[in-house]
Structure formats: C-alpha cells, structure tokens
Amino acid sequence: MSNPYQETWSRFSEFLSEKGLRMTDQRKSIVGALFSQDAHFTADDLLKDAQKLDETVSRATLYRSLPLLVESGIIRMVDVGQDNKFYALNSQSENFKAQVICSDCNRIEDIDAPFMEWYGKSVSEKLGLKVKDQRLQVQAECPDFRKSGKCSKES
C-alpha cells in the first residue's frame, strides 16, 4: 500500500534537489501541513497548519515554497479572481476537474469534466501545440445566500 505523504515528500525533495535547493525542516512542515487541508485552501490556512508542526515556519518561507510546490505538480493554484488565490493538492484523478465557484461565499466545488481534457488536447493538436495548462471555472450564485444572507453549504 502506498503512502501519499511519503510519496509527496520524496517527489518534492527530488524536485528541490534538481533545482539545487534542499528540503529544510520548514519545507518538511509545509509539506506535512498539506495533508491537513480541506479540498481548497489559502496560503494562510497552510501557514497556520505548518506553524502547528514547526513554529519557525515564516510567511516568507511559505510564500517562497508555494511556487515550488505548484511547479513540482504537488499542488495546483486555483485563481478565482478578485485577488483570491486558493490551492489544492493534485490528486491522481482519472478525470479532469473543473471548478464551480460560489460568488457569494467563495466555496469551490470540483466536478468531473473529462470532456475538457479531450477538448484541450484536440484543439491544441490542431494548432500544433501541446497543452501546458487548462482550466474551466464556472461562477455561480447561491440561492440560499440570496434569500437569507447565509449559505447553507458554508463550512
């Protein structure tokens, strides 16, 4: 049985080594904190949990580590606009995921969208290009929030 934490730690450690960087205790804590996150999390969420593991993890270290985690493919950035950046662990999902974002409470739901992977690949190949990144986001309004001022699905 595979250990997702160990696999992620090894993958990130290898990635850092290839870049001439090392796996510090603070980076280990940041990787460890990834596994206590909900599906989508902010940098502040990750910082709080990393500091629970190692109080020496600074905001600067976290913000320097986030682009490395994205570039390594361990996490992905989900930009919902309005200066809100969320992150999510990259899963080994069989299907491309699209995000539905509630514009009232900023809740993000991932849904399977396997047609998007096919579409992106088909369009790119017709142009002689290779897909580097693709995303589908749907902005939606919450009827509960519109009626009562509170979203029933907020956590």
N, C-alpha and C. Protein backbone atom coordinates (compact mmCIF):
# COMPACT_ATOMS: atom_id res chain seq x y z
N MET A 1 0.85 -1.19 0.00
CA MET A 1 0.00 0.00 0.00
C MET A 1 0.89 1.24 0.00
N SER A 2 0.56 2.21 -0.84
CA SER A 2 1.40 3.41 -0.96
C SER A 2 1.05 4.42 0.14
N ASN A 3 2.06 5.22 0.48
CA ASN A 3 1.91 6.25 1.50
C ASN A 3 1.95 7.59 0.78
N PRO A 4 0.78 8.27 0.63
CA PRO A 4 0.74 9.53 -0.12
C PRO A 4 1.68 10.59 0.44
N TYR A 5 1.78 10.67 1.77
CA TYR A 5 2.66 11.66 2.37
C TYR A 5 4.11 11.38 1.97
N GLN A 6 4.54 10.14 2.10
CA GLN A 6 5.92 9.79 1.78
C GLN A 6 6.22 10.00 0.29
N GLU A 7 5.27 9.64 -0.55
CA GLU A 7 5.45 9.83 -2.00
C GLU A 7 5.56 11.32 -2.33
N THR A 8 4.72 12.14 -1.71
CA THR A 8 4.75 13.58 -1.95
C THR A 8 6.05 14.18 -1.44
N TRP A 9 6.44 13.79 -0.24
CA TRP A 9 7.68 14.29 0.35
C TRP A 9 8.86 13.92 -0.55
N SER A 10 8.92 12.68 -1.01
CA SER A 10 10.03 12.22 -1.87
C SER A 10 10.04 12.98 -3.19
N ARG A 11 8.86 13.14 -3.77
CA ARG A 11 8.75 13.83 -5.05
C ARG A 11 9.21 15.28 -4.92
N PHE A 12 8.79 15.95 -3.86
CA PHE A 12 9.17 17.35 -3.66
C PHE A 12 10.66 17.45 -3.35
N SER A 13 11.17 16.54 -2.55
CA SER A 13 12.59 16.53 -2.22
C SER A 13 13.45 16.36 -3.48
N GLU A 14 13.03 15.45 -4.36
CA GLU A 14 13.73 15.24 -5.64
C GLU A 14 13.68 16.49 -6.50
N PHE A 15 12.51 17.11 -6.57
CA PHE A 15 12.32 18.33 -7.34
C PHE A 15 13.26 19.43 -6.85
N LEU A 16 13.29 19.61 -5.52
CA LEU A 16 14.17 20.64 -4.95
C LEU A 16 15.63 20.35 -5.27
N SER A 17 16.02 19.10 -5.17
CA SER A 17 17.40 18.70 -5.44
C SER A 17 17.78 19.05 -6.88
N GLU A 18 16.87 18.77 -7.82
CA GLU A 18 17.11 19.09 -9.23
C GLU A 18 17.28 20.60 -9.43
N LYS A 19 16.67 21.39 -8.57
CA LYS A 19 16.76 22.85 -8.65
C LYS A 19 17.95 23.40 -7.85
N GLY A 20 18.70 22.50 -7.20
CA GLY A 20 19.82 22.93 -6.38
C GLY A 20 19.40 23.47 -5.02
N LEU A 21 18.20 23.12 -4.61
CA LEU A 21 17.67 23.55 -3.31
C LEU A 21 17.60 22.34 -2.38
N ARG A 22 17.43 22.59 -1.10
CA ARG A 22 17.35 21.46 -0.18
C ARG A 22 16.02 21.45 0.57
N MET A 23 15.70 20.29 1.09
CA MET A 23 14.48 20.11 1.86
C MET A 23 14.78 20.50 3.31
N THR A 24 14.37 21.70 3.69
CA THR A 24 14.61 22.20 5.04
C THR A 24 13.52 21.68 5.97
N ASP A 25 13.74 21.84 7.26
CA ASP A 25 12.71 21.45 8.23
C ASP A 25 11.42 22.22 8.01
N GLN A 26 11.54 23.50 7.65
CA GLN A 26 10.35 24.32 7.41
C GLN A 26 9.58 23.80 6.18
N ARG A 27 10.30 23.45 5.14
CA ARG A 27 9.62 22.90 3.95
C ARG A 27 8.98 21.56 4.27
N LYS A 28 9.62 20.76 5.10
CA LYS A 28 9.01 19.48 5.53
C LYS A 28 7.69 19.75 6.24
N SER A 29 7.67 20.76 7.08
CA SER A 29 6.44 21.09 7.81
C SER A 29 5.35 21.59 6.87
N ILE A 30 5.74 22.35 5.87
CA ILE A 30 4.77 22.83 4.89
C ILE A 30 4.17 21.65 4.13
N VAL A 31 5.01 20.71 3.71
CA VAL A 31 4.51 19.51 3.00
C VAL A 31 3.60 18.71 3.94
N GLY A 32 4.01 18.57 5.19
CA GLY A 32 3.18 17.85 6.15
C GLY A 32 1.83 18.52 6.35
N ALA A 33 1.82 19.84 6.36
CA ALA A 33 0.58 20.58 6.56
C ALA A 33 -0.37 20.46 5.37
N LEU A 34 0.15 20.13 4.21
CA LEU A 34 -0.71 19.96 3.03
C LEU A 34 -1.79 18.91 3.28
N PHE A 35 -1.42 17.89 4.05
CA PHE A 35 -2.35 16.77 4.23
C PHE A 35 -3.42 17.03 5.29
N SER A 36 -3.38 18.19 5.92
CA SER A 36 -4.44 18.54 6.87
C SER A 36 -5.39 19.58 6.27
N GLN A 37 -5.21 19.88 4.99
CA GLN A 37 -6.04 20.89 4.33
C GLN A 37 -7.33 20.29 3.78
N ASP A 38 -8.34 21.15 3.70
CA ASP A 38 -9.57 20.77 3.01
C ASP A 38 -9.26 20.75 1.52
N ALA A 39 -10.23 20.45 0.72
CA ALA A 39 -10.02 20.34 -0.73
C ALA A 39 -9.33 21.58 -1.29
N HIS A 40 -9.77 22.76 -0.92
CA HIS A 40 -9.17 24.00 -1.38
C HIS A 40 -8.76 24.81 -0.16
N PHE A 41 -7.59 25.40 -0.22
CA PHE A 41 -7.08 26.13 0.94
C PHE A 41 -6.33 27.37 0.48
N THR A 42 -6.19 28.31 1.40
CA THR A 42 -5.44 29.53 1.11
C THR A 42 -4.02 29.39 1.67
N ALA A 43 -3.17 30.31 1.31
CA ALA A 43 -1.81 30.33 1.86
C ALA A 43 -1.87 30.48 3.38
N ASP A 44 -2.78 31.30 3.87
CA ASP A 44 -2.92 31.50 5.31
C ASP A 44 -3.34 30.21 6.03
N ASP A 45 -4.25 29.45 5.42
CA ASP A 45 -4.64 28.16 6.00
C ASP A 45 -3.42 27.25 6.14
N LEU A 46 -2.64 27.18 5.07
CA LEU A 46 -1.46 26.32 5.07
C LEU A 46 -0.43 26.80 6.08
N LEU A 47 -0.24 28.11 6.17
CA LEU A 47 0.71 28.66 7.12
C LEU A 47 0.35 28.29 8.56
N LYS A 48 -0.92 28.45 8.92
CA LYS A 48 -1.36 28.11 10.28
C LYS A 48 -1.05 26.66 10.62
N ASP A 49 -1.36 25.76 9.70
CA ASP A 49 -1.13 24.34 9.96
C ASP A 49 0.36 23.98 9.95
N ALA A 50 1.12 24.64 9.10
CA ALA A 50 2.57 24.40 9.08
C ALA A 50 3.21 24.87 10.39
N GLN A 51 2.73 26.00 10.90
CA GLN A 51 3.27 26.51 12.16
C GLN A 51 2.89 25.65 13.36
N LYS A 52 1.79 24.89 13.24
CA LYS A 52 1.46 23.93 14.30
C LYS A 52 2.50 22.81 14.34
N LEU A 53 3.06 22.49 13.18
CA LEU A 53 4.09 21.44 13.10
C LEU A 53 5.48 21.99 13.43
N ASP A 54 5.72 23.25 13.06
CA ASP A 54 7.02 23.88 13.30
C ASP A 54 6.80 25.38 13.39
N GLU A 55 6.91 25.90 14.59
CA GLU A 55 6.61 27.33 14.80
C GLU A 55 7.59 28.25 14.10
N THR A 56 8.71 27.72 13.58
CA THR A 56 9.67 28.58 12.88
C THR A 56 9.31 28.82 11.42
N VAL A 57 8.24 28.18 10.92
CA VAL A 57 7.83 28.40 9.53
C VAL A 57 7.32 29.84 9.42
N SER A 58 7.98 30.62 8.56
CA SER A 58 7.58 32.03 8.40
C SER A 58 6.69 32.18 7.17
N ARG A 59 6.00 33.30 7.13
CA ARG A 59 5.16 33.64 5.97
C ARG A 59 6.04 33.70 4.71
N ALA A 60 7.24 34.28 4.84
CA ALA A 60 8.14 34.40 3.69
C ALA A 60 8.54 33.03 3.16
N THR A 61 8.85 32.10 4.06
CA THR A 61 9.22 30.74 3.63
C THR A 61 8.05 30.08 2.91
N LEU A 62 6.86 30.26 3.47
CA LEU A 62 5.68 29.67 2.83
C LEU A 62 5.48 30.25 1.44
N TYR A 63 5.55 31.58 1.32
CA TYR A 63 5.32 32.21 0.02
C TYR A 63 6.42 31.91 -0.99
N ARG A 64 7.62 31.60 -0.53
CA ARG A 64 8.68 31.14 -1.45
C ARG A 64 8.46 29.68 -1.84
N SER A 65 7.82 28.92 -0.96
CA SER A 65 7.60 27.49 -1.22
C SER A 65 6.40 27.23 -2.12
N LEU A 66 5.39 28.07 -2.06
CA LEU A 66 4.18 27.83 -2.85
C LEU A 66 4.46 27.69 -4.35
N PRO A 67 5.23 28.61 -4.97
CA PRO A 67 5.50 28.44 -6.41
C PRO A 67 6.28 27.15 -6.70
N LEU A 68 7.13 26.74 -5.78
CA LEU A 68 7.88 25.48 -5.96
C LEU A 68 6.93 24.28 -5.88
N LEU A 69 5.99 24.32 -4.98
CA LEU A 69 5.01 23.24 -4.87
C LEU A 69 4.13 23.17 -6.11
N VAL A 70 3.78 24.34 -6.66
CA VAL A 70 2.98 24.36 -7.89
C VAL A 70 3.81 23.84 -9.06
N GLU A 71 5.03 24.36 -9.21
CA GLU A 71 5.88 23.95 -10.32
C GLU A 71 6.18 22.45 -10.28
N SER A 72 6.31 21.90 -9.09
CA SER A 72 6.61 20.47 -8.95
C SER A 72 5.38 19.61 -9.25
N GLY A 73 4.21 20.22 -9.32
CA GLY A 73 2.99 19.48 -9.61
C GLY A 73 2.32 18.89 -8.38
N ILE A 74 2.83 19.19 -7.19
CA ILE A 74 2.24 18.64 -5.97
C ILE A 74 0.93 19.32 -5.63
N ILE A 75 0.88 20.64 -5.85
CA ILE A 75 -0.37 21.36 -5.66
C ILE A 75 -0.66 22.14 -6.93
N ARG A 76 -1.89 22.61 -7.04
CA ARG A 76 -2.25 23.49 -8.14
C ARG A 76 -2.88 24.73 -7.57
N MET A 77 -2.68 25.84 -8.26
CA MET A 77 -3.28 27.10 -7.84
C MET A 77 -4.63 27.23 -8.51
N VAL A 78 -5.62 27.64 -7.76
CA VAL A 78 -6.95 27.88 -8.28
C VAL A 78 -7.23 29.36 -8.09
N ASP A 79 -7.17 30.11 -9.17
CA ASP A 79 -7.37 31.56 -9.12
C ASP A 79 -8.84 31.83 -9.38
N VAL A 80 -9.55 32.32 -8.37
CA VAL A 80 -10.97 32.59 -8.52
C VAL A 80 -11.24 34.06 -8.80
N GLY A 81 -10.18 34.79 -9.11
CA GLY A 81 -10.34 36.21 -9.40
C GLY A 81 -10.45 37.01 -8.11
N GLN A 82 -10.68 38.27 -8.22
CA GLN A 82 -10.86 39.15 -7.08
C GLN A 82 -9.72 39.00 -6.06
N ASP A 83 -8.50 38.78 -6.54
CA ASP A 83 -7.32 38.63 -5.70
C ASP A 83 -7.41 37.46 -4.73
N ASN A 84 -8.29 36.51 -4.98
CA ASN A 84 -8.39 35.32 -4.14
C ASN A 84 -7.64 34.18 -4.81
N LYS A 85 -6.63 33.67 -4.12
CA LYS A 85 -5.88 32.53 -4.64
C LYS A 85 -6.08 31.36 -3.69
N PHE A 86 -6.51 30.26 -4.23
CA PHE A 86 -6.67 29.04 -3.46
C PHE A 86 -5.73 28.00 -4.05
N TYR A 87 -5.46 26.98 -3.28
CA TYR A 87 -4.60 25.89 -3.70
C TYR A 87 -5.31 24.58 -3.39
N ALA A 88 -4.88 23.53 -4.09
CA ALA A 88 -5.41 22.19 -3.83
C ALA A 88 -4.32 21.18 -4.14
N LEU A 89 -4.32 20.10 -3.39
CA LEU A 89 -3.40 19.01 -3.69
C LEU A 89 -3.78 18.44 -5.04
N ASN A 90 -2.81 18.15 -5.87
CA ASN A 90 -3.09 17.48 -7.13
C ASN A 90 -3.35 16.03 -6.82
N SER A 91 -4.49 15.55 -7.22
CA SER A 91 -4.84 14.16 -6.97
C SER A 91 -4.50 13.33 -8.21
N GLN A 92 -4.53 12.06 -8.02
CA GLN A 92 -4.29 11.15 -9.13
C GLN A 92 -5.63 10.79 -9.79
N SER A 93 -6.46 11.78 -9.98
CA SER A 93 -7.79 11.57 -10.52
C SER A 93 -7.73 11.11 -11.98
N GLU A 94 -8.66 10.27 -12.32
CA GLU A 94 -8.77 9.79 -13.69
C GLU A 94 -9.31 10.89 -14.62
N ASN A 95 -10.08 11.81 -14.06
CA ASN A 95 -10.76 12.80 -14.87
C ASN A 95 -10.26 14.21 -14.59
N PHE A 96 -10.32 15.03 -15.63
CA PHE A 96 -10.06 16.45 -15.50
C PHE A 96 -11.12 17.02 -14.55
N LYS A 97 -10.72 17.94 -13.72
CA LYS A 97 -11.66 18.57 -12.78
C LYS A 97 -11.89 20.02 -13.18
N ALA A 98 -13.13 20.44 -13.11
CA ALA A 98 -13.50 21.83 -13.31
C ALA A 98 -13.96 22.37 -11.96
N GLN A 99 -13.89 23.67 -11.79
CA GLN A 99 -14.33 24.27 -10.54
C GLN A 99 -15.61 25.07 -10.74
N VAL A 100 -16.54 24.89 -9.81
CA VAL A 100 -17.72 25.73 -9.73
C VAL A 100 -17.52 26.57 -8.48
N ILE A 101 -17.52 27.88 -8.64
CA ILE A 101 -17.19 28.81 -7.56
C ILE A 101 -18.43 29.62 -7.21
N CYS A 102 -18.78 29.57 -5.93
CA CYS A 102 -19.90 30.37 -5.46
C CYS A 102 -19.41 31.81 -5.29
N SER A 103 -20.00 32.72 -6.03
CA SER A 103 -19.56 34.11 -5.94
C SER A 103 -20.03 34.79 -4.66
N ASP A 104 -20.89 34.13 -3.90
CA ASP A 104 -21.37 34.69 -2.64
C ASP A 104 -20.47 34.31 -1.46
N CYS A 105 -20.05 33.04 -1.39
CA CYS A 105 -19.26 32.60 -0.23
C CYS A 105 -17.86 32.10 -0.63
N ASN A 106 -17.52 32.16 -1.92
CA ASN A 106 -16.23 31.71 -2.44
C ASN A 106 -15.98 30.22 -2.25
N ARG A 107 -17.01 29.44 -1.95
CA ARG A 107 -16.86 27.99 -1.85
C ARG A 107 -16.52 27.46 -3.24
N ILE A 108 -15.61 26.51 -3.30
CA ILE A 108 -15.18 25.93 -4.57
C ILE A 108 -15.52 24.45 -4.56
N GLU A 109 -16.21 24.01 -5.57
CA GLU A 109 -16.53 22.59 -5.73
C GLU A 109 -15.85 22.08 -6.98
N ASP A 110 -15.14 20.97 -6.87
CA ASP A 110 -14.56 20.32 -8.04
C ASP A 110 -15.57 19.33 -8.61
N ILE A 111 -15.71 19.34 -9.93
CA ILE A 111 -16.58 18.37 -10.59
C ILE A 111 -15.81 17.72 -11.72
N ASP A 112 -16.14 16.47 -12.01
CA ASP A 112 -15.51 15.78 -13.13
C ASP A 112 -15.91 16.45 -14.43
N ALA A 113 -14.93 16.67 -15.30
CA ALA A 113 -15.19 17.25 -16.61
C ALA A 113 -14.25 16.58 -17.62
N PRO A 114 -14.40 15.27 -17.83
CA PRO A 114 -13.47 14.55 -18.70
C PRO A 114 -13.45 15.07 -20.14
N PHE A 115 -14.55 15.65 -20.59
CA PHE A 115 -14.60 16.19 -21.94
C PHE A 115 -13.61 17.33 -22.14
N MET A 116 -13.27 18.05 -21.07
CA MET A 116 -12.35 19.19 -21.18
C MET A 116 -10.94 18.74 -21.53
N GLU A 117 -10.51 17.63 -20.97
CA GLU A 117 -9.17 17.13 -21.29
C GLU A 117 -9.10 16.79 -22.78
N TRP A 118 -10.12 16.11 -23.27
CA TRP A 118 -10.17 15.76 -24.69
C TRP A 118 -10.22 17.03 -25.54
N TYR A 119 -11.06 17.99 -25.15
CA TYR A 119 -11.21 19.21 -25.91
C TYR A 119 -9.90 19.99 -25.99
N GLY A 120 -9.24 20.19 -24.85
CA GLY A 120 -7.98 20.92 -24.83
C GLY A 120 -6.92 20.26 -25.69
N LYS A 121 -6.83 18.94 -25.61
CA LYS A 121 -5.84 18.20 -26.40
C LYS A 121 -6.17 18.30 -27.89
N SER A 122 -7.44 18.14 -28.24
CA SER A 122 -7.85 18.19 -29.65
C SER A 122 -7.56 19.56 -30.27
N VAL A 123 -7.95 20.62 -29.59
CA VAL A 123 -7.75 21.96 -30.11
C VAL A 123 -6.25 22.27 -30.22
N SER A 124 -5.49 21.93 -29.21
CA SER A 124 -4.06 22.20 -29.23
C SER A 124 -3.36 21.47 -30.36
N GLU A 125 -3.69 20.18 -30.53
CA GLU A 125 -3.05 19.40 -31.58
C GLU A 125 -3.35 19.97 -32.97
N LYS A 126 -4.57 20.48 -33.17
CA LYS A 126 -4.92 21.08 -34.46
C LYS A 126 -4.04 22.29 -34.76
N LEU A 127 -3.58 22.95 -33.71
CA LEU A 127 -2.73 24.13 -33.86
C LEU A 127 -1.24 23.78 -33.76
N GLY A 128 -0.95 22.48 -33.60
CA GLY A 128 0.44 22.04 -33.48
C GLY A 128 1.06 22.40 -32.13
N LEU A 129 0.24 22.51 -31.10
CA LEU A 129 0.71 22.88 -29.77
C LEU A 129 0.49 21.73 -28.79
N LYS A 130 1.12 21.83 -27.63
CA LYS A 130 0.94 20.84 -26.58
C LYS A 130 0.35 21.55 -25.36
N VAL A 131 -0.67 20.97 -24.76
CA VAL A 131 -1.33 21.57 -23.61
C VAL A 131 -0.35 21.67 -22.44
N LYS A 132 -0.23 22.86 -21.88
CA LYS A 132 0.59 23.08 -20.70
C LYS A 132 -0.30 23.17 -19.46
N ASP A 133 -1.43 23.85 -19.61
CA ASP A 133 -2.35 24.03 -18.50
C ASP A 133 -3.72 24.33 -19.10
N GLN A 134 -4.74 23.93 -18.42
CA GLN A 134 -6.08 24.30 -18.85
C GLN A 134 -6.99 24.25 -17.64
N ARG A 135 -8.01 25.10 -17.67
CA ARG A 135 -8.94 25.12 -16.55
C ARG A 135 -10.31 25.55 -17.03
N LEU A 136 -11.28 25.11 -16.31
CA LEU A 136 -12.66 25.52 -16.56
C LEU A 136 -13.22 25.93 -15.20
N GLN A 137 -13.71 27.16 -15.16
CA GLN A 137 -14.32 27.65 -13.93
C GLN A 137 -15.70 28.21 -14.26
N VAL A 138 -16.63 27.87 -13.41
CA VAL A 138 -17.99 28.37 -13.53
C VAL A 138 -18.27 29.21 -12.28
N GLN A 139 -18.68 30.45 -12.47
CA GLN A 139 -19.09 31.31 -11.35
C GLN A 139 -20.59 31.13 -11.18
N ALA A 140 -21.02 30.88 -9.96
CA ALA A 140 -22.45 30.66 -9.69
C ALA A 140 -22.87 31.45 -8.47
N GLU A 141 -24.16 31.67 -8.36
CA GLU A 141 -24.71 32.36 -7.19
C GLU A 141 -25.45 31.36 -6.32
N CYS A 142 -25.44 31.61 -5.03
CA CYS A 142 -26.08 30.72 -4.06
C CYS A 142 -27.50 31.22 -3.76
N PRO A 143 -28.52 30.47 -4.15
CA PRO A 143 -29.90 30.91 -3.89
C PRO A 143 -30.18 31.10 -2.39
N ASP A 144 -29.63 30.22 -1.53
CA ASP A 144 -29.83 30.36 -0.07
C ASP A 144 -29.26 31.69 0.41
N PHE A 145 -28.06 32.02 -0.06
CA PHE A 145 -27.42 33.26 0.36
C PHE A 145 -28.24 34.46 -0.10
N ARG A 146 -28.73 34.39 -1.31
CA ARG A 146 -29.52 35.50 -1.86
C ARG A 146 -30.79 35.73 -1.05
N LYS A 147 -31.39 34.64 -0.53
CA LYS A 147 -32.62 34.76 0.25
C LYS A 147 -32.35 35.18 1.70
N SER A 148 -31.39 34.51 2.34
CA SER A 148 -31.25 34.68 3.79
C SER A 148 -29.95 35.36 4.23
N GLY A 149 -29.02 35.59 3.28
CA GLY A 149 -27.75 36.20 3.64
C GLY A 149 -26.75 35.19 4.21
N LYS A 150 -27.09 33.90 4.18
CA LYS A 150 -26.19 32.85 4.66
C LYS A 150 -26.28 31.65 3.73
N CYS A 151 -25.12 31.11 3.38
CA CYS A 151 -25.08 29.94 2.51
C CYS A 151 -25.22 28.69 3.38
N SER A 152 -26.12 27.82 3.03
CA SER A 152 -26.34 26.60 3.82
C SER A 152 -25.19 25.60 3.67
N LYS A 153 -24.33 25.79 2.68
CA LYS A 153 -23.22 24.86 2.46
C LYS A 153 -21.89 25.38 2.96
N GLU A 154 -21.89 26.59 3.54
CA GLU A 154 -20.65 27.14 4.10
C GLU A 154 -20.19 26.28 5.24
N SER A 155 -18.85 26.08 5.33
CA SER A 155 -18.34 25.27 6.43
C SER A 155 -17.97 26.11 7.61
